[in-house]
Protein backbone atom coordinates (compact mmCIF):
# COMPACT_ATOMS: atom_id res chain seq x y z
CA MET A 1 -7.90 -20.95 -95.06
CA THR A 2 -8.08 -17.23 -94.27
CA ILE A 3 -9.66 -15.69 -91.22
CA THR A 4 -12.47 -14.25 -93.37
CA ASN A 5 -13.97 -17.67 -94.10
CA LYS A 6 -13.51 -19.03 -90.59
CA ASP A 7 -15.80 -18.84 -87.59
CA LYS A 8 -14.75 -17.16 -84.36
CA LEU A 9 -14.07 -19.63 -81.56
CA ILE A 10 -15.97 -18.42 -78.50
CA ILE A 11 -13.93 -18.90 -75.32
CA PHE A 12 -16.18 -19.67 -72.35
CA ASP A 13 -14.13 -19.72 -69.16
CA THR A 14 -15.38 -21.61 -66.11
CA THR A 15 -12.32 -21.27 -63.87
CA LEU A 16 -14.40 -19.50 -61.22
CA ARG A 17 -17.20 -22.08 -61.29
CA ASP A 18 -16.06 -25.54 -62.37
CA GLY A 19 -12.43 -24.69 -61.62
CA GLU A 20 -13.22 -23.73 -58.04
CA GLN A 21 -14.75 -27.16 -57.56
CA SER A 22 -11.24 -28.62 -57.51
CA PRO A 23 -10.82 -30.40 -54.17
CA GLY A 24 -9.45 -27.97 -51.57
CA VAL A 25 -9.93 -24.82 -53.66
CA THR A 26 -11.89 -22.00 -52.04
CA LEU A 27 -11.39 -18.56 -53.55
CA THR A 28 -12.32 -15.37 -51.72
CA VAL A 29 -14.46 -12.73 -53.41
CA ASN A 30 -11.42 -10.47 -53.89
CA GLU A 31 -9.48 -13.32 -55.49
CA LYS A 32 -12.36 -14.12 -57.84
CA ILE A 33 -12.64 -10.49 -58.89
CA GLU A 34 -8.91 -10.25 -59.59
CA ILE A 35 -8.97 -13.44 -61.67
CA ALA A 36 -12.09 -12.20 -63.49
CA LYS A 37 -10.37 -8.92 -64.38
CA GLN A 38 -7.40 -10.80 -65.81
CA LEU A 39 -9.70 -13.11 -67.80
CA SER A 40 -11.45 -10.08 -69.26
CA ARG A 41 -8.11 -8.54 -70.19
CA LEU A 42 -7.05 -11.89 -71.70
CA GLY A 43 -9.93 -11.64 -74.16
CA VAL A 44 -12.28 -14.32 -72.81
CA ASP A 45 -15.72 -14.03 -74.44
CA VAL A 46 -17.92 -15.55 -71.73
CA LEU A 47 -17.09 -15.84 -68.03
CA GLU A 48 -19.07 -18.30 -65.92
CA ALA A 49 -18.73 -16.45 -62.64
CA GLY A 50 -20.31 -19.02 -60.35
CA PHE A 51 -23.41 -20.89 -59.18
CA PRO A 52 -25.41 -18.12 -57.44
CA VAL A 53 -27.93 -20.34 -55.65
CA ALA A 54 -25.17 -22.38 -53.97
CA SER A 55 -24.67 -19.91 -51.14
CA GLN A 56 -24.94 -16.23 -50.26
CA GLY A 57 -21.18 -15.97 -50.71
CA ASP A 58 -21.38 -17.37 -54.24
CA PHE A 59 -24.25 -15.01 -55.07
CA ASP A 60 -22.32 -12.01 -53.76
CA SER A 61 -19.19 -12.87 -55.74
CA VAL A 62 -21.14 -13.34 -59.00
CA GLN A 63 -22.99 -10.08 -58.41
CA ARG A 64 -19.77 -8.15 -57.75
CA ILE A 65 -18.13 -9.64 -60.85
CA ALA A 66 -21.17 -8.61 -62.91
CA ASN A 67 -21.00 -5.08 -61.49
CA GLU A 68 -17.24 -4.53 -61.43
CA VAL A 69 -15.88 -6.69 -64.26
CA GLY A 70 -18.86 -6.88 -66.60
CA PRO A 71 -18.43 -3.31 -67.99
CA LEU A 72 -14.60 -3.39 -68.36
CA MET A 73 -13.08 -2.75 -71.79
CA VAL A 74 -9.36 -2.78 -70.86
CA GLY A 75 -7.57 -5.04 -73.34
CA ARG A 76 -10.79 -5.72 -75.25
CA GLU A 77 -10.58 -2.97 -77.84
CA ALA A 78 -10.03 -5.44 -80.69
CA ILE A 79 -13.04 -7.49 -79.57
CA GLY A 80 -15.23 -4.41 -79.36
CA LYS A 81 -17.42 -5.37 -76.41
CA PRO A 82 -17.11 -6.28 -72.73
CA ILE A 83 -17.11 -9.84 -71.46
CA THR A 84 -20.39 -11.73 -71.08
CA ILE A 85 -21.07 -12.71 -67.46
CA ALA A 86 -22.81 -16.08 -67.07
CA GLY A 87 -24.24 -17.80 -64.04
CA LEU A 88 -25.10 -21.48 -63.65
CA ALA A 89 -28.55 -22.67 -62.61
CA ARG A 90 -30.26 -26.02 -62.30
CA ALA A 91 -33.49 -26.45 -64.30
CA VAL A 92 -35.42 -25.06 -61.33
CA PRO A 93 -37.24 -21.68 -61.35
CA ALA A 94 -35.73 -20.57 -58.03
CA ASP A 95 -32.20 -21.29 -59.30
CA ILE A 96 -32.82 -19.43 -62.55
CA GLN A 97 -34.28 -16.39 -60.81
CA ARG A 98 -31.39 -16.31 -58.34
CA CYS A 99 -28.95 -16.53 -61.23
CA TYR A 100 -30.58 -13.60 -63.00
CA ASP A 101 -30.59 -11.49 -59.86
CA ALA A 102 -26.83 -12.00 -59.56
CA ILE A 103 -25.92 -11.14 -63.16
CA ALA A 104 -28.62 -8.50 -63.78
CA ASN A 105 -26.26 -5.49 -63.88
CA ALA A 106 -23.78 -6.94 -66.39
CA PRO A 107 -24.01 -5.22 -69.81
CA HIS A 108 -23.86 -8.67 -71.43
CA LYS A 109 -25.32 -11.55 -69.42
CA ARG A 110 -26.20 -15.20 -69.87
CA ILE A 111 -28.13 -17.79 -67.89
CA HIS A 112 -26.65 -21.28 -68.19
CA THR A 113 -29.12 -23.94 -67.12
CA PHE A 114 -28.64 -27.70 -67.14
CA LEU A 115 -30.46 -30.98 -66.68
CA ALA A 116 -29.15 -34.55 -66.85
CA THR A 117 -30.22 -36.61 -69.88
CA SER A 118 -28.42 -39.95 -69.51
CA ASP A 119 -30.57 -42.89 -68.45
CA ILE A 120 -28.30 -43.60 -65.48
CA HIS A 121 -28.86 -40.05 -64.16
CA LEU A 122 -32.59 -40.02 -64.94
CA GLU A 123 -33.17 -43.32 -63.20
CA HIS A 124 -30.85 -43.12 -60.21
CA LYS A 125 -30.35 -39.39 -59.51
CA LEU A 126 -33.41 -37.53 -60.76
CA LYS A 127 -35.83 -40.48 -60.75
CA ILE A 128 -37.83 -39.10 -63.68
CA THR A 129 -38.84 -40.35 -67.12
CA ARG A 130 -37.50 -39.13 -70.43
CA ASP A 131 -40.78 -37.28 -71.10
CA GLU A 132 -40.50 -35.48 -67.77
CA CYS A 133 -36.89 -34.60 -68.61
CA VAL A 134 -37.98 -32.90 -71.84
CA LYS A 135 -40.74 -30.98 -70.03
CA ARG A 136 -38.36 -29.73 -67.32
CA ALA A 137 -35.71 -28.68 -69.84
CA VAL A 138 -38.23 -26.74 -71.92
CA ALA A 139 -39.73 -25.08 -68.84
CA ALA A 140 -36.32 -24.02 -67.59
CA VAL A 141 -35.21 -22.51 -70.89
CA SER A 142 -38.60 -20.83 -71.41
CA PHE A 143 -38.41 -19.16 -68.00
CA ALA A 144 -34.77 -18.11 -68.46
CA LYS A 145 -35.70 -16.61 -71.83
CA THR A 146 -38.17 -14.27 -70.12
CA LEU A 147 -35.26 -12.84 -68.12
CA VAL A 148 -32.38 -12.66 -70.64
CA ALA A 149 -31.93 -13.02 -74.38
CA ASP A 150 -28.81 -15.20 -74.06
CA VAL A 151 -29.68 -18.67 -72.70
CA GLU A 152 -27.40 -21.70 -72.68
CA PHE A 153 -28.63 -25.23 -72.06
CA SER A 154 -26.49 -28.23 -71.09
CA PRO A 155 -27.70 -31.84 -71.11
CA GLU A 156 -25.61 -33.14 -68.22
CA ASP A 157 -23.78 -36.41 -68.95
CA ALA A 158 -24.46 -35.98 -72.67
CA GLY A 159 -21.45 -38.19 -73.39
CA ARG A 160 -23.36 -41.21 -72.04
CA SER A 161 -26.84 -40.20 -73.22
CA ASP A 162 -28.84 -41.82 -75.99
CA GLN A 163 -28.12 -39.65 -79.01
CA ASP A 164 -31.62 -39.78 -80.51
CA PHE A 165 -33.09 -38.76 -77.15
CA LEU A 166 -30.53 -35.95 -77.00
CA CYS A 167 -31.77 -34.72 -80.38
CA THR A 168 -35.33 -34.68 -79.00
CA VAL A 169 -34.32 -32.66 -75.92
CA LEU A 170 -32.10 -30.26 -77.86
CA SER A 171 -34.71 -29.64 -80.55
CA ALA A 172 -37.23 -28.79 -77.85
CA VAL A 173 -34.99 -26.32 -76.00
CA ILE A 174 -34.04 -24.60 -79.27
CA GLU A 175 -37.73 -24.03 -79.91
CA ALA A 176 -38.06 -22.74 -76.33
CA GLY A 177 -35.39 -20.10 -76.98
CA ALA A 178 -31.94 -21.54 -76.19
CA THR A 179 -29.15 -19.73 -78.04
CA THR A 180 -26.22 -21.99 -77.07
CA LEU A 181 -26.26 -25.77 -76.70
CA ASN A 182 -23.42 -27.16 -74.62
CA ILE A 183 -22.60 -30.87 -74.93
CA PRO A 184 -20.74 -31.99 -71.79
CA ASP A 185 -18.66 -35.11 -71.44
CA THR A 186 -19.35 -34.76 -67.73
CA VAL A 187 -17.37 -37.77 -66.54
CA GLY A 188 -14.59 -37.70 -69.15
CA TYR A 189 -15.78 -40.96 -70.70
CA ASN A 190 -15.67 -40.31 -74.45
CA MET A 191 -12.88 -41.02 -76.93
CA PRO A 192 -11.97 -38.16 -79.32
CA GLU A 193 -13.41 -39.84 -82.42
CA GLU A 194 -16.52 -40.80 -80.46
CA TYR A 195 -17.07 -37.28 -79.12
CA GLY A 196 -16.53 -35.68 -82.52
CA ALA A 197 -18.93 -38.13 -84.17
CA MET A 198 -21.55 -37.38 -81.51
CA ILE A 199 -21.29 -33.63 -82.18
CA LYS A 200 -21.61 -34.21 -85.92
CA TYR A 201 -24.67 -36.45 -85.41
CA LEU A 202 -26.40 -34.02 -83.05
CA ILE A 203 -25.94 -31.07 -85.40
CA ALA A 204 -27.21 -33.10 -88.36
CA ASN A 205 -30.27 -34.48 -86.55
CA THR A 206 -31.39 -31.69 -84.22
CA LYS A 207 -34.17 -29.47 -85.54
CA GLY A 208 -33.01 -25.85 -85.66
CA SER A 209 -29.35 -26.73 -85.11
CA ASP A 210 -28.29 -23.92 -87.45
CA LYS A 211 -29.89 -21.34 -85.16
CA VAL A 212 -27.64 -21.96 -82.16
CA ILE A 213 -23.99 -22.01 -81.14
CA TRP A 214 -22.73 -25.51 -80.29
CA SER A 215 -20.41 -25.79 -77.32
CA ALA A 216 -18.06 -28.41 -75.83
CA HIS A 217 -17.42 -29.00 -72.13
CA CYS A 218 -15.04 -31.91 -71.56
CA HIS A 219 -13.54 -33.40 -68.42
CA ASN A 220 -10.10 -34.94 -68.18
CA ASP A 221 -10.73 -38.22 -66.33
CA LEU A 222 -8.96 -40.19 -69.09
CA GLY A 223 -6.58 -37.37 -70.03
CA LEU A 224 -8.57 -36.66 -73.21
CA ALA A 225 -10.29 -33.35 -72.47
CA THR A 226 -8.19 -31.32 -74.90
CA ALA A 227 -8.31 -34.01 -77.61
CA ASN A 228 -12.10 -34.35 -77.28
CA THR A 229 -12.63 -30.60 -77.44
CA LEU A 230 -10.46 -30.24 -80.53
CA SER A 231 -12.34 -33.12 -82.14
CA GLY A 232 -15.55 -31.27 -81.35
CA ILE A 233 -14.24 -28.12 -83.06
CA CYS A 234 -13.52 -30.11 -86.20
CA ASN A 235 -17.14 -31.33 -86.19
CA GLY A 236 -19.03 -28.09 -85.60
CA ILE A 237 -18.27 -26.86 -82.08
CA ARG A 238 -17.86 -23.08 -81.99
CA GLN A 239 -17.68 -22.48 -78.23
CA VAL A 240 -15.30 -24.22 -75.84
CA GLU A 241 -15.80 -24.35 -72.07
CA VAL A 242 -12.37 -24.30 -70.47
CA THR A 243 -10.37 -23.34 -67.38
CA ILE A 244 -6.94 -21.83 -66.78
CA ASN A 245 -4.39 -24.62 -66.14
CA GLY A 246 -7.18 -27.15 -66.69
CA ILE A 247 -8.25 -27.03 -63.03
CA GLY A 248 -11.62 -28.46 -62.06
CA GLU A 249 -13.60 -31.31 -60.56
CA ARG A 250 -11.68 -34.62 -60.21
CA ALA A 251 -9.01 -34.71 -62.96
CA GLY A 252 -9.99 -31.25 -64.19
CA ASN A 253 -11.39 -29.58 -67.30
CA THR A 254 -10.06 -28.75 -70.73
CA ALA A 255 -7.17 -26.29 -70.37
CA MET A 256 -7.83 -23.00 -72.16
CA GLU A 257 -4.19 -22.43 -73.02
CA GLU A 258 -3.94 -25.82 -74.74
CA ILE A 259 -7.01 -25.28 -76.94
CA VAL A 260 -6.12 -21.72 -77.90
CA MET A 261 -2.50 -22.52 -78.71
CA ALA A 262 -3.49 -25.61 -80.72
CA VAL A 263 -5.71 -23.39 -82.86
CA HIS A 264 -3.03 -20.67 -82.89
CA THR A 265 -0.30 -23.07 -83.99
CA HIS A 266 -2.41 -24.75 -86.70
CA PRO A 267 -4.15 -21.85 -88.47
CA ASP A 268 -4.66 -23.92 -91.64
CA PHE A 269 -6.08 -26.99 -89.88
CA PHE A 270 -8.92 -25.74 -87.70
CA PRO A 271 -11.98 -23.98 -89.18
CA VAL A 272 -11.92 -21.33 -86.43
CA TYR A 273 -9.87 -18.39 -85.20
CA HIS A 274 -9.46 -16.93 -81.70
CA THR A 275 -9.14 -13.43 -80.25
CA ILE A 276 -7.22 -14.30 -77.08
CA ASN A 277 -4.26 -12.13 -76.04
CA THR A 278 -1.90 -15.11 -75.74
CA PRO A 279 1.13 -13.26 -74.20
CA LEU A 280 -0.95 -12.99 -71.00
CA PHE A 281 -1.26 -16.77 -70.58
CA PHE A 282 1.80 -17.30 -68.42
CA ARG A 283 0.90 -14.46 -66.06
CA ILE A 284 -2.70 -15.54 -65.48
CA SER A 285 -1.56 -19.15 -65.12
CA GLN A 286 0.73 -18.12 -62.27
CA LEU A 287 -2.01 -15.98 -60.70
CA VAL A 288 -4.59 -18.79 -60.76
CA SER A 289 -2.01 -21.28 -59.47
CA SER A 290 -1.06 -19.02 -56.57
CA LEU A 291 -4.58 -18.09 -55.56
CA SER A 292 -6.08 -21.55 -55.97
CA GLY A 293 -3.19 -23.46 -54.43
CA MET A 294 -3.21 -25.78 -57.46
CA VAL A 295 0.46 -26.05 -58.36
CA VAL A 296 1.16 -26.31 -62.08
CA GLN A 297 3.17 -29.43 -62.88
CA PRO A 298 6.56 -28.56 -64.40
CA ASN A 299 5.87 -30.49 -67.61
CA LYS A 300 2.41 -28.95 -68.12
CA ALA A 301 1.87 -27.98 -71.75
CA ILE A 302 2.19 -24.27 -72.61
CA VAL A 303 2.53 -22.86 -69.07
CA GLY A 304 4.65 -25.44 -67.19
CA ALA A 305 8.07 -24.40 -65.87
CA ASN A 306 9.76 -26.88 -68.23
CA ALA A 307 7.61 -26.09 -71.28
CA PHE A 308 10.42 -24.15 -72.98
CA LEU A 309 13.51 -25.70 -71.36
CA HIS A 310 15.95 -27.90 -73.26
CA GLU A 311 18.40 -30.19 -71.47
CA SER A 312 19.40 -32.65 -74.17
CA GLY A 313 22.68 -31.62 -75.81
CA ILE A 314 21.27 -32.36 -79.25
CA HIS A 315 18.22 -30.22 -78.53
CA GLN A 316 20.31 -27.39 -77.10
CA ASP A 317 22.55 -27.40 -80.14
CA GLY A 318 19.54 -27.24 -82.45
CA VAL A 319 17.88 -24.42 -80.54
CA LEU A 320 21.08 -22.38 -80.52
CA LYS A 321 21.25 -22.70 -84.30
CA ASN A 322 17.57 -22.13 -84.93
CA LYS A 323 14.85 -22.08 -82.24
CA GLN A 324 12.31 -23.60 -84.59
CA THR A 325 14.23 -26.88 -84.58
CA TYR A 326 12.70 -27.78 -81.21
CA GLU A 327 10.26 -24.96 -80.37
CA ILE A 328 6.89 -24.91 -82.13
CA ILE A 329 5.81 -21.98 -79.95
CA SER A 330 8.09 -19.15 -78.91
CA PRO A 331 8.07 -18.43 -75.14
CA GLU A 332 7.17 -14.81 -75.86
CA THR A 333 3.94 -15.89 -77.60
CA VAL A 334 2.51 -17.06 -74.28
CA GLY A 335 4.37 -14.58 -72.06
CA ALA A 336 6.84 -17.16 -70.72
CA ASN A 337 9.89 -14.98 -71.21
CA THR A 338 12.01 -14.37 -68.10
CA VAL A 339 13.35 -10.91 -68.93
CA ASN A 340 14.51 -9.07 -65.82
CA LEU A 341 12.79 -5.81 -65.06
CA VAL A 342 14.62 -2.50 -65.21
CA LEU A 343 13.48 -1.88 -61.66
CA GLY A 344 15.42 -1.79 -58.43
CA LYS A 345 15.54 -0.10 -55.06
CA HIS A 346 16.04 3.30 -56.70
CA SER A 347 12.98 2.97 -58.97
CA GLY A 348 10.16 5.43 -58.37
CA ARG A 349 6.40 5.15 -58.11
CA ALA A 350 5.78 6.17 -61.75
CA ALA A 351 8.01 3.43 -63.17
CA PHE A 352 6.51 0.87 -60.81
CA ARG A 353 2.94 1.89 -61.68
CA SER A 354 3.74 1.65 -65.39
CA ARG A 355 5.06 -1.88 -64.95
CA LEU A 356 1.98 -2.94 -62.98
CA GLN A 357 -0.20 -1.73 -65.83
CA GLU A 358 1.80 -3.86 -68.26
CA LEU A 359 1.24 -6.87 -65.98
CA GLY A 360 -2.52 -6.26 -65.91
CA PHE A 361 -2.75 -4.72 -62.43
CA GLY A 362 -3.41 -1.15 -63.51
CA GLU A 363 -6.70 -0.84 -61.63
CA LEU A 364 -5.34 -0.98 -58.10
CA THR A 365 -6.69 1.59 -55.66
CA GLU A 366 -4.20 4.07 -54.24
CA GLU A 367 -4.10 2.09 -50.98
CA GLU A 368 -3.54 -1.20 -52.84
CA PHE A 369 -0.86 0.41 -54.99
CA GLN A 370 0.97 1.75 -51.94
CA ILE A 371 0.96 -1.70 -50.30
CA ALA A 372 2.34 -3.24 -53.51
CA PHE A 373 4.96 -0.50 -53.83
CA ASN A 374 6.11 -0.97 -50.23
CA SER A 375 6.41 -4.74 -50.78
CA PHE A 376 8.41 -4.11 -53.93
CA LYS A 377 10.77 -1.70 -52.14
CA THR A 378 11.32 -4.20 -49.33
CA LEU A 379 12.14 -6.92 -51.85
CA ALA A 380 14.36 -4.61 -53.90
CA ASP A 381 16.44 -3.89 -50.81
CA SER A 382 17.36 -7.58 -50.61
CA LYS A 383 17.64 -8.34 -54.35
CA LYS A 384 19.75 -6.69 -56.99
CA ARG A 385 17.22 -7.39 -59.74
CA VAL A 386 13.48 -7.88 -59.40
CA THR A 387 11.90 -10.10 -62.04
CA GLU A 388 8.41 -10.18 -63.48
CA GLN A 389 7.83 -13.46 -61.63
CA ASP A 390 8.77 -11.75 -58.35
CA LEU A 391 6.18 -9.05 -58.93
CA LEU A 392 3.48 -11.55 -59.86
CA ALA A 393 4.23 -13.51 -56.67
CA LEU A 394 4.01 -10.35 -54.55
CA LEU A 395 0.75 -9.27 -56.18
CA SER A 396 -0.79 -12.74 -55.78
CA ASP A 397 0.23 -12.66 -52.12
CA GLN A 398 -1.38 -9.26 -51.72
CA VAL A 399 -4.65 -10.40 -53.32
CA SER A 400 -4.71 -13.48 -51.05
CA SER A 401 -4.17 -11.46 -47.89
CA SER A 402 -6.66 -8.69 -48.77
CA ALA A 403 -9.81 -10.71 -48.25
CA GLY A 404 -11.60 -7.88 -46.47
CA GLU A 405 -14.13 -9.18 -43.98
CA ASN A 406 -12.79 -12.71 -44.48
CA THR A 407 -9.49 -11.85 -42.78
CA THR A 408 -9.88 -12.65 -39.09
CA TYR A 409 -6.23 -12.94 -38.01
CA THR A 410 -3.16 -10.95 -39.02
CA VAL A 411 0.46 -11.28 -37.87
CA LYS A 412 1.76 -8.44 -35.73
CA SER A 413 5.15 -9.94 -34.89
CA LEU A 414 7.10 -13.16 -35.23
CA GLN A 415 10.26 -14.26 -33.42
CA VAL A 416 11.95 -17.60 -34.17
CA VAL A 417 15.01 -19.24 -32.59
CA SER A 418 16.24 -22.46 -34.16
CA GLY A 419 18.95 -24.96 -33.31
CA THR A 420 20.00 -28.54 -34.01
CA SER A 421 17.60 -30.13 -31.49
CA PHE A 422 14.46 -27.98 -31.59
CA ALA A 423 13.12 -24.56 -32.47
CA THR A 424 10.97 -22.07 -30.61
CA ALA A 425 8.60 -19.51 -32.06
CA THR A 426 6.81 -16.59 -30.44
CA VAL A 427 3.87 -15.34 -32.49
CA GLN A 428 1.70 -12.29 -31.93
CA LEU A 429 -1.62 -12.14 -33.83
CA GLN A 430 -4.38 -9.59 -33.96
CA ASN A 431 -8.03 -10.56 -34.26
CA THR A 432 -9.37 -7.99 -36.71
CA GLN A 433 -12.96 -8.72 -35.70
CA THR A 434 -12.48 -7.98 -31.99
CA GLY A 435 -9.26 -5.97 -31.99
CA ASP A 436 -7.69 -8.35 -29.45
CA VAL A 437 -3.94 -8.90 -29.61
CA LEU A 438 -2.92 -12.51 -28.90
CA ILE A 439 0.55 -13.83 -28.12
CA ASP A 440 1.87 -17.33 -27.47
CA ALA A 441 4.97 -19.46 -27.98
CA ALA A 442 5.57 -23.08 -29.00
CA ILE A 443 8.39 -25.57 -29.50
CA GLY A 444 8.84 -27.41 -32.79
CA LYS A 445 10.73 -30.68 -32.75
CA SER A 446 11.00 -30.66 -36.54
CA GLY A 447 12.12 -27.08 -36.93
CA PRO A 448 11.02 -23.43 -36.91
CA ILE A 449 8.06 -23.76 -39.28
CA GLU A 450 6.46 -26.43 -37.09
CA ALA A 451 7.01 -24.18 -34.06
CA VAL A 452 5.27 -21.28 -35.82
CA PHE A 453 2.35 -23.44 -36.91
CA LEU A 454 1.88 -24.85 -33.41
CA ALA A 455 1.89 -21.38 -31.87
CA ILE A 456 -0.73 -20.20 -34.36
CA GLN A 457 -2.89 -23.25 -33.63
CA ARG A 458 -2.90 -22.40 -29.94
CA LEU A 459 -3.70 -18.75 -30.61
CA VAL A 460 -6.70 -19.46 -32.85
CA GLY A 461 -7.92 -22.31 -30.63
CA LYS A 462 -8.14 -24.94 -33.34
CA LYS A 463 -6.57 -28.28 -34.08
CA ILE A 464 -5.23 -28.14 -37.61
CA ARG A 465 -3.96 -30.99 -39.75
CA LEU A 466 -1.43 -30.09 -42.40
CA LEU A 467 -2.28 -32.05 -45.54
CA LYS A 468 0.14 -30.45 -47.96
CA PHE A 469 3.14 -28.13 -47.81
CA ASP A 470 4.89 -26.90 -50.97
CA ILE A 471 7.69 -24.40 -51.18
CA THR A 472 9.20 -23.09 -54.40
CA ALA A 473 11.74 -20.44 -55.32
CA VAL A 474 10.64 -17.67 -57.64
CA GLY A 475 13.67 -17.16 -59.84
CA GLN A 476 17.23 -18.26 -59.10
CA GLY A 477 19.95 -17.46 -56.57
CA VAL A 478 20.16 -17.28 -52.80
CA ASP A 479 18.05 -14.11 -52.81
CA ALA A 480 15.15 -15.76 -54.66
CA LEU A 481 11.67 -15.01 -53.37
CA GLY A 482 10.10 -17.95 -51.51
CA GLN A 483 6.56 -19.00 -52.39
CA VAL A 484 4.69 -21.36 -50.03
CA SER A 485 1.40 -23.18 -50.61
CA VAL A 486 -0.33 -25.18 -47.88
CA LYS A 487 -3.49 -27.25 -47.59
CA ILE A 488 -5.09 -27.81 -44.18
CA ALA A 489 -8.12 -29.43 -42.60
CA GLU A 490 -9.60 -28.89 -39.18
CA GLY A 491 -8.95 -31.88 -36.89
CA SER A 492 -10.14 -32.92 -33.48
CA ALA A 493 -7.84 -33.27 -30.51
CA SER A 494 -7.66 -37.01 -31.19
CA SER A 495 -5.93 -36.31 -34.50
CA ALA A 496 -2.87 -35.06 -32.64
CA SER A 497 -0.05 -37.47 -31.93
CA SER A 498 -0.29 -39.33 -28.65
CA ASP A 499 3.01 -38.12 -27.22
CA SER A 500 2.20 -34.42 -27.41
CA GLU A 501 -0.90 -32.34 -26.88
CA ASP A 502 0.44 -29.82 -29.40
CA SER A 503 1.36 -31.21 -32.79
CA VAL A 504 1.09 -30.65 -36.48
CA THR A 505 -0.15 -33.89 -38.01
CA GLU A 506 0.68 -34.42 -41.64
CA THR A 507 -1.34 -36.82 -43.78
CA GLU A 508 -1.51 -37.60 -47.44
CA ASP A 509 -4.55 -36.19 -49.22
CA LYS A 510 -5.92 -39.73 -49.56
CA ASP A 511 -6.18 -39.94 -45.77
CA ALA A 512 -8.61 -37.04 -45.66
CA GLY A 513 -12.30 -37.93 -45.81
CA LEU A 514 -13.96 -37.59 -49.21
CA ASN A 515 -16.40 -35.01 -47.82
CA GLU A 516 -13.89 -33.26 -45.58
CA ALA A 517 -13.52 -29.53 -46.03
CA THR A 518 -9.95 -28.53 -46.88
CA TYR A 519 -8.47 -25.06 -47.23
CA HIS A 520 -5.43 -23.79 -49.05
CA GLY A 521 -3.22 -20.84 -48.27
CA HIS A 522 -0.58 -18.94 -50.19
CA GLY A 523 2.30 -16.77 -49.04
CA ALA A 524 5.34 -15.14 -50.60
CA ASP A 525 8.31 -13.51 -48.91
CA SER A 526 12.08 -13.32 -49.19
CA ASP A 527 12.12 -15.11 -45.80
CA ILE A 528 10.67 -18.61 -46.18
CA ILE A 529 9.51 -18.73 -42.55
CA GLN A 530 7.56 -15.52 -43.11
CA ALA A 531 6.17 -16.96 -46.34
CA ALA A 532 5.08 -20.16 -44.57
CA THR A 533 3.46 -18.12 -41.78
CA LYS A 534 1.48 -16.07 -44.30
CA ALA A 535 0.34 -19.20 -46.14
CA TYR A 536 -0.73 -21.02 -42.95
CA LEU A 537 -2.63 -18.04 -41.57
CA ASN A 538 -4.21 -17.40 -44.96
CA ALA A 539 -5.56 -20.97 -44.95
CA ILE A 540 -6.85 -20.61 -41.38
CA ASN A 541 -8.62 -17.37 -42.29
CA ARG A 542 -10.36 -19.25 -45.11
CA LEU A 543 -11.36 -21.99 -42.68
CA VAL A 544 -12.84 -19.49 -40.23
CA ALA A 545 -14.63 -17.55 -43.00
CA ASN A 546 -16.16 -20.70 -44.49
CA GLU A 547 -17.49 -22.23 -41.28
CA SER A 548 -20.81 -20.48 -41.83
CA LYS A 549 -20.94 -21.70 -45.43
CA ARG A 550 -20.40 -25.26 -44.27
CA ILE A 551 -23.29 -24.92 -41.83
CA LEU A 552 -25.58 -23.61 -44.57
CA GLY A 553 -24.52 -26.46 -46.84
CA GLU A 554 -23.02 -24.89 -49.94
CA ARG A 555 -23.91 -26.83 -53.09
CA LYS A 556 -21.52 -27.58 -55.92
CA VAL A 557 -22.37 -29.28 -59.20
CA ASP A 558 -20.49 -31.02 -61.96
CA VAL A 559 -21.65 -30.37 -65.51
């Protein structure tokens, strides 16, 4: 089958909406904009930038993405148009209007509205009849259509809805003006054959089905999100709703890289083609992992650290003779090559700027570029060779720490003394809101990192519980860059251990309350103590910045 008689597969990315609903993930506006730029460069067709009515912060981030990312054409020359910016809205006029206000300035914009259709949701959550459900869905789509031409409708929990009732609802919203119909397996319940058969039935029995694009949005509760989505494609789906690394609510969403590479690897099997710039997958995977704090498992398909490694002697022998013996995808196809950069401590600004452009960071301001260049020079002084992964780690760290008004505390100085019995740390912070310089010291029984964390706790005046601490080396060798990811929650004084007023209490994630707010932080440095300090303070800055959001009661939804 040639590309001329295939349909284009529309890639709808919801990393910044459904992906951010992953427990513990809270992205700053700057981080969302950076991810959005990379998604645009990747070739994503539609970007669901957020849920504007959820909070003022969510509205502001969607609006800035519409203004700053919506018009971009970098890397999209082959596609011929900028990315479509979508916002999510419940089937409520105020939500829909708020969504439009946020995306209004995007050259291409879409309102995505949803309403539950399964009997269990209608009876227990919405407490409405099926007839009322149809009326609300039609009213929502009709109103959205007065604001934009591109309207998407999702029947929430479609996977457990009565299919004939679904046909009634979908026929009605098509008549009201919907241009895309998304069929979500909201709770990850369906089997692949079941989901594919449902799509086929809906298309065959919905009036006007040929006038709209059919979309799949699958969750991974049973580990079947990718399989269900691919089954949907084989039965008429032409848009897939996906996230980078498969992040999302509960067990996550369908992973974009898995869908695209399945289609890419089987050009004669699927009735669709894609226009994604696949060599950028590995880079954006690392960026999203760093900024979200969601570590990619080593054996993750396509972008995992082990995805292209071979340990078995038989496999190694085969690969040495011919890579195709055990590699169905070349590492270069998804940008997973580990070629060392021709950059070092003697490299100049022009060479460094050129390399940043190749990595997708060509739109840095002069101030941002100078910060990145200084970080590179510092690293190059301690390493003979700087790798692409090193640069991506440094840039992710810079994006995390440049949260603008969200950065309350910065490190001015850090002094650590460690021995076999205990460690001491003296930390000096500056409050960027007041200009005050704060200094304190603490003793860590478990080592220097605990001492640093305790000192920071005392300086910011908060009890912090450390829920997760991950440290990884970027590259190999004793001079490898250290990357630290932490997850924290604010705890009361009673959460400290009884034998010390100052302590860092560690708990498993399961010990945290289901509704407890958690915050992640990321840091990278050639010194792991410095990296840990950056990560911990980054998480605390998120906690401080989101206290007002918690008071206002930010809403999140699962479609």
